[in-house]
Amino acid sequence: MTEPLTRPAAGPEAGLAAAIAQVRADVARLHAELTRYGLVVWTAGNVSGRVPGADLFVIKPSGVDYDELTPDTMILCDLDGTVVKGSTGSGLSPSSDTAAHAYVYRNMPEVGGVVHTHSTYATAWAARAEPIPCVITGMADEFGGEIPVGPFAIIGDDSIGRGIVATLSGHRSRAVLMRSHGVFTIGKNARDAVKAAVMTEDVARTIHIARQGGELATIDPDAIDALFARYQNVYGQPSKGATHLCPHRTRSTASRSGSSPAASTSTARRRSARSPGNPRR
């Protein structure tokens, strides 16, 4: 497969070219949201997006300044993380997290976008290997429970991807704190994954500040379920063909302040259906 096409495309070929172009534009644009919300420094962090209807995804190049990112500098890869030869941007090296993103796309077909940041407060929780407890209603709305911690993994191969998939499979949260590393989020598309990254840092900061004042007040698990269901099914404007990541994700029981990572990861999960949701306020 080559891209761009050397002659006017027709039929399915034209549709694929248009889909790739759209994801390139979306992924390039969404990197500006990471800087806008203060989630990255220098060239750290990355956004990727799956190409609908194809075993392909688009990811940013490695070590390129954010203000130099354009649709044509985005890199097209197959689901093994291999750069598509001859495609636009293929002369650049892809993000060092490409193998991790590829592993997620291969093993979580419902995922359409992946984001990685080292945002300050969320990464501080990751450095403590401590899940973020669900103690505010906005977090119950967005994540349906705690944000879990994934295993320590070395960057460069698919080890991080394996940790993401193992931690988030069947979990309501669209975010994972990879121990001693940072944040990875997933979404139904790249924008949804960016939103999850923004909200992860927001709740990480708020709950960190709250804990400085004393013990955190927990929310009853049934209330978390109700808040999550309301937000996913009622809040906002009617969805137009939106689909959730998983129809049967689960959540961990709300963690207590000061609970250990081991205690948190052993808490019971309850099954809950999730239907089409809406963009957050």
Protein backbone atom coordinates (compact mmCIF):
# COMPACT_ATOMS: atom_id res chain seq x y z
CA MET A 1 0.00 0.00 0.00
CA THR A 2 1.26 3.44 -0.86
CA GLU A 3 0.01 6.84 0.24
CA PRO A 4 -0.71 9.36 -1.14
CA LEU A 5 -2.15 7.84 -4.30
CA THR A 6 -0.51 8.83 -7.58
CA ARG A 7 -3.79 9.02 -9.51
CA PRO A 8 -7.38 9.86 -8.59
CA ALA A 9 -8.80 7.12 -6.41
CA ALA A 10 -12.17 5.49 -6.84
CA GLY A 11 -14.35 3.15 -4.80
CA PRO A 12 -12.98 1.51 -1.65
CA GLU A 13 -9.48 2.86 -2.32
CA ALA A 14 -10.78 6.42 -2.20
CA GLY A 15 -12.66 5.70 1.01
CA LEU A 16 -9.54 4.35 2.70
CA ALA A 17 -7.44 7.30 1.56
CA ALA A 18 -10.05 9.69 2.95
CA ALA A 19 -10.18 7.82 6.26
CA ILE A 20 -6.39 7.93 6.62
CA ALA A 21 -6.35 11.65 5.81
CA GLN A 22 -9.02 12.35 8.43
CA VAL A 23 -7.18 10.43 11.16
CA ARG A 24 -3.92 12.18 10.24
CA ALA A 25 -5.62 15.56 10.62
CA ASP A 26 -7.31 14.59 13.89
CA VAL A 27 -4.19 13.15 15.51
CA ALA A 28 -2.02 16.11 14.48
CA ARG A 29 -4.59 18.59 15.82
CA LEU A 30 -5.19 16.76 19.08
CA HIS A 31 -1.55 17.01 20.14
CA ALA A 32 -2.22 20.72 20.66
CA GLU A 33 -4.75 19.75 23.34
CA LEU A 34 -2.01 18.03 25.34
CA THR A 35 -0.03 21.27 25.50
CA ARG A 36 -3.17 23.38 25.99
CA TYR A 37 -4.05 21.45 29.15
CA GLY A 38 -0.47 21.23 30.41
CA LEU A 39 -0.23 17.45 30.12
CA VAL A 40 3.21 17.29 28.45
CA VAL A 41 6.59 19.00 28.44
CA TRP A 42 9.03 19.28 25.54
CA THR A 43 8.31 16.42 23.08
CA ALA A 44 7.10 13.85 25.62
CA GLY A 45 3.71 12.22 25.18
CA ASN A 46 1.79 11.04 22.14
CA VAL A 47 -1.63 10.57 20.57
CA SER A 48 -2.60 7.85 18.11
CA GLY A 49 -5.79 7.00 16.25
CA ARG A 50 -7.06 3.87 14.56
CA VAL A 51 -8.06 4.14 10.90
CA PRO A 52 -11.69 2.97 10.74
CA GLY A 53 -12.20 -0.14 8.64
CA ALA A 54 -8.49 -0.92 8.24
CA ASP A 55 -5.74 -2.62 10.24
CA LEU A 56 -3.87 0.67 10.46
CA PHE A 57 -3.27 3.48 12.93
CA VAL A 58 -1.64 6.91 12.87
CA ILE A 59 0.85 8.10 15.49
CA LYS A 60 3.18 11.05 15.94
CA PRO A 61 6.89 10.96 15.04
CA SER A 62 9.51 10.62 17.75
CA GLY A 63 11.15 13.73 19.20
CA VAL A 64 9.51 16.30 16.92
CA ASP A 65 8.43 19.59 18.50
CA TYR A 66 4.68 19.88 19.00
CA ASP A 67 4.43 23.09 16.99
CA GLU A 68 5.98 21.28 14.01
CA LEU A 69 3.41 18.49 13.93
CA THR A 70 1.19 18.46 10.85
CA PRO A 71 -0.98 15.81 9.18
CA ASP A 72 1.90 15.05 6.80
CA THR A 73 4.35 14.40 9.67
CA MET A 74 2.04 11.85 11.24
CA ILE A 75 3.13 8.25 10.65
CA LEU A 76 0.94 5.46 9.31
CA CYS A 77 1.55 2.02 10.85
CA ASP A 78 0.03 -1.41 10.62
CA LEU A 79 -1.20 -3.16 13.75
CA ASP A 80 2.20 -4.74 14.28
CA GLY A 81 3.61 -1.24 14.66
CA THR A 82 5.45 -1.37 11.33
CA VAL A 83 5.57 1.87 9.35
CA VAL A 84 3.74 1.56 6.01
CA LYS A 85 6.44 1.92 3.37
CA GLY A 86 6.00 4.79 0.95
CA SER A 87 3.28 6.46 3.02
CA THR A 88 3.42 10.15 3.84
CA GLY A 89 5.76 10.74 6.78
CA SER A 90 7.37 7.29 6.50
CA GLY A 91 10.83 8.86 6.37
CA LEU A 92 10.46 9.83 10.03
CA SER A 93 10.87 7.50 13.01
CA PRO A 94 7.62 6.79 14.83
CA SER A 95 7.06 7.43 18.53
CA SER A 96 9.04 5.21 20.88
CA ASP A 97 5.67 4.06 22.27
CA THR A 98 4.48 2.74 18.91
CA ALA A 99 4.78 -0.93 19.92
CA ALA A 100 2.66 -0.28 23.03
CA HIS A 101 -0.07 1.46 21.00
CA ALA A 102 -0.02 -1.32 18.41
CA TYR A 103 -0.45 -3.99 21.08
CA VAL A 104 -3.49 -2.18 22.45
CA TYR A 105 -5.09 -1.91 19.00
CA ARG A 106 -4.43 -5.60 18.26
CA ASN A 107 -5.91 -6.80 21.52
CA MET A 108 -8.68 -4.27 22.18
CA PRO A 109 -10.54 -3.94 18.87
CA GLU A 110 -13.09 -1.60 20.46
CA VAL A 111 -10.35 1.00 21.09
CA GLY A 112 -10.01 3.74 18.47
CA GLY A 113 -7.51 6.03 20.19
CA VAL A 114 -4.60 5.85 22.64
CA VAL A 115 -2.87 8.69 24.49
CA HIS A 116 0.23 8.80 26.66
CA THR A 117 1.27 11.66 28.95
CA HIS A 118 3.52 12.30 31.92
CA SER A 119 1.10 14.84 33.42
CA THR A 120 2.37 16.00 36.79
CA TYR A 121 -0.22 14.97 39.36
CA ALA A 122 -1.27 11.71 37.72
CA THR A 123 2.37 10.68 37.28
CA ALA A 124 2.96 11.42 40.97
CA TRP A 125 0.28 8.83 41.78
CA ALA A 126 2.00 6.44 39.36
CA ALA A 127 5.32 7.04 41.12
CA ARG A 128 3.69 5.85 44.35
CA ALA A 129 2.06 2.91 42.52
CA GLU A 130 -1.20 4.13 44.04
CA PRO A 131 -4.59 3.99 42.30
CA ILE A 132 -6.58 7.22 42.30
CA PRO A 133 -9.65 6.56 44.48
CA CYS A 134 -13.10 7.52 43.24
CA VAL A 135 -14.14 10.08 45.85
CA ILE A 136 -15.68 12.85 43.72
CA THR A 137 -18.78 12.70 41.56
CA GLY A 138 -17.02 13.93 38.42
CA MET A 139 -14.69 10.95 38.60
CA ALA A 140 -17.61 8.58 39.09
CA ASP A 141 -19.22 10.12 36.01
CA GLU A 142 -16.16 9.81 33.83
CA PHE A 143 -14.36 6.67 35.04
CA GLY A 144 -16.99 4.74 37.00
CA GLY A 145 -14.54 3.93 39.80
CA GLU A 146 -10.87 4.20 40.63
CA ILE A 147 -8.11 4.75 38.08
CA PRO A 148 -5.95 1.63 38.43
CA VAL A 149 -2.19 1.12 38.44
CA GLY A 150 -0.54 -1.03 35.80
CA PRO A 151 2.76 -2.88 36.12
CA PHE A 152 6.22 -1.42 35.70
CA ALA A 153 7.42 -1.98 32.13
CA ILE A 154 10.41 -0.90 30.07
CA ILE A 155 9.72 1.32 27.08
CA GLY A 156 10.61 0.19 23.56
CA ASP A 157 8.73 -3.08 23.02
CA ASP A 158 5.15 -4.18 23.64
CA SER A 159 5.61 -4.66 27.41
CA ILE A 160 3.78 -1.42 28.22
CA GLY A 161 0.96 -2.38 25.86
CA ARG A 162 0.63 -5.74 27.59
CA GLY A 163 0.33 -3.98 30.93
CA ILE A 164 -2.30 -1.57 29.60
CA VAL A 165 -4.42 -4.37 28.16
CA ALA A 166 -4.09 -6.58 31.25
CA THR A 167 -5.12 -3.72 33.54
CA LEU A 168 -7.94 -2.14 31.54
CA SER A 169 -9.58 -5.20 29.97
CA GLY A 170 -13.02 -5.46 31.57
CA HIS A 171 -12.43 -2.31 33.67
CA ARG A 172 -14.60 0.80 33.37
CA SER A 173 -11.66 3.16 33.58
CA ARG A 174 -10.30 4.49 30.30
CA ALA A 175 -7.04 5.41 32.08
CA VAL A 176 -4.23 3.46 33.67
CA LEU A 177 -1.28 4.75 35.71
CA MET A 178 1.71 2.72 34.57
CA ARG A 179 3.88 2.34 37.66
CA SER A 180 6.84 4.74 37.84
CA HIS A 181 6.07 5.95 34.32
CA GLY A 182 2.93 7.89 33.53
CA VAL A 183 -0.58 7.86 32.13
CA PHE A 184 -2.03 5.88 29.23
CA THR A 185 -5.63 6.38 28.20
CA ILE A 186 -7.89 4.71 25.65
CA GLY A 187 -11.03 5.89 23.89
CA LYS A 188 -13.49 5.10 21.14
CA ASN A 189 -11.43 7.52 19.03
CA ALA A 190 -8.39 9.74 19.50
CA ARG A 191 -10.43 12.66 20.83
CA ASP A 192 -12.11 10.47 23.44
CA ALA A 193 -8.70 9.22 24.61
CA VAL A 194 -7.42 12.81 24.87
CA LYS A 195 -10.47 13.73 26.93
CA ALA A 196 -9.70 10.81 29.28
CA ALA A 197 -6.13 12.08 29.67
CA VAL A 198 -7.34 15.59 30.49
CA MET A 199 -9.83 14.29 33.06
CA THR A 200 -7.24 11.94 34.60
CA GLU A 201 -4.95 14.84 35.41
CA ASP A 202 -7.86 16.90 36.69
CA VAL A 203 -9.02 14.28 39.20
CA ALA A 204 -5.44 13.38 40.15
CA ARG A 205 -4.79 17.02 41.10
CA THR A 206 -8.10 17.53 42.93
CA ILE A 207 -7.84 14.35 45.00
CA HIS A 208 -4.19 14.99 45.83
CA ILE A 209 -5.10 18.45 47.14
CA ALA A 210 -8.10 17.09 49.05
CA ARG A 211 -5.95 14.51 50.80
CA GLN A 212 -3.66 17.22 52.14
CA GLY A 213 -6.55 18.39 54.29
CA GLY A 214 -7.33 15.03 55.85
CA GLU A 215 -8.95 11.68 55.21
CA LEU A 216 -10.93 11.37 52.01
CA ALA A 217 -14.69 10.79 52.25
CA THR A 218 -15.69 7.74 50.24
CA ILE A 219 -18.65 7.41 47.90
CA ASP A 220 -20.92 4.39 48.23
CA PRO A 221 -20.33 1.96 45.34
CA ASP A 222 -24.03 1.99 44.44
CA ALA A 223 -23.88 5.77 44.14
CA ILE A 224 -20.85 5.45 41.85
CA ASP A 225 -22.86 3.06 39.67
CA ALA A 226 -25.78 5.47 39.53
CA LEU A 227 -23.59 8.47 38.71
CA PHE A 228 -21.78 6.56 35.98
CA ALA A 229 -25.03 5.31 34.44
CA ARG A 230 -26.56 8.80 34.46
CA TYR A 231 -23.54 10.38 32.83
CA GLN A 232 -23.13 7.69 30.20
CA ASN A 233 -26.81 7.41 29.30
CA VAL A 234 -28.53 10.73 30.09
CA TYR A 235 -26.04 13.60 30.21
CA GLY A 236 -25.56 15.87 27.19
CA GLN A 237 -27.08 15.78 23.74
CA PRO A 238 -28.31 12.58 22.06
CA SER A 239 -25.51 10.53 20.54
CA LYS A 240 -25.39 9.97 16.80
CA GLY A 241 -24.09 6.47 16.32
CA ALA A 242 -21.56 6.67 19.18
CA THR A 243 -20.45 3.39 20.66
CA HIS A 244 -18.77 2.60 23.94
CA LEU A 245 -15.46 0.84 24.33
CA CYS A 246 -17.01 -2.16 26.04
CA PRO A 247 -20.66 -2.91 26.78
CA HIS A 248 -19.76 -4.83 29.95
CA ARG A 249 -16.96 -3.03 31.77
CA THR A 250 -16.56 -3.41 35.51
CA ARG A 251 -15.40 -1.12 38.26
CA SER A 252 -13.41 -1.66 41.42
CA THR A 253 -15.04 -0.82 44.74
CA ALA A 254 -14.12 2.71 45.83
CA SER A 255 -10.71 2.74 47.51
CA ARG A 256 -10.18 4.14 50.99
CA SER A 257 -7.65 6.86 51.62
CA GLY A 258 -4.28 5.35 52.38
CA SER A 259 -5.13 1.87 51.13
CA SER A 260 -2.25 -0.07 49.64
CA PRO A 261 -1.97 -0.87 45.92
CA ALA A 262 -2.26 -4.57 46.76
CA ALA A 263 -5.46 -4.01 48.71
CA SER A 264 -6.87 -1.85 45.95
CA THR A 265 -6.16 -4.32 43.17
CA SER A 266 -7.78 -7.12 45.14
CA THR A 267 -11.08 -5.28 45.66
CA ALA A 268 -14.14 -6.87 44.09
CA ARG A 269 -15.40 -5.70 40.71
CA ARG A 270 -19.03 -5.58 39.78
CA ARG A 271 -20.46 -6.09 36.34
CA SER A 272 -22.28 -3.14 34.75
CA ALA A 273 -23.67 -2.49 31.27
CA ARG A 274 -22.59 0.69 29.50
CA SER A 275 -24.55 2.23 26.64
CA PRO A 276 -23.75 5.10 24.26
CA GLY A 277 -22.35 8.14 26.04
CA ASN A 278 -21.95 11.84 25.44
CA PRO A 279 -19.11 14.36 25.51
CA ARG A 280 -18.33 15.77 28.94
CA ARG A 281 -19.14 19.33 29.84
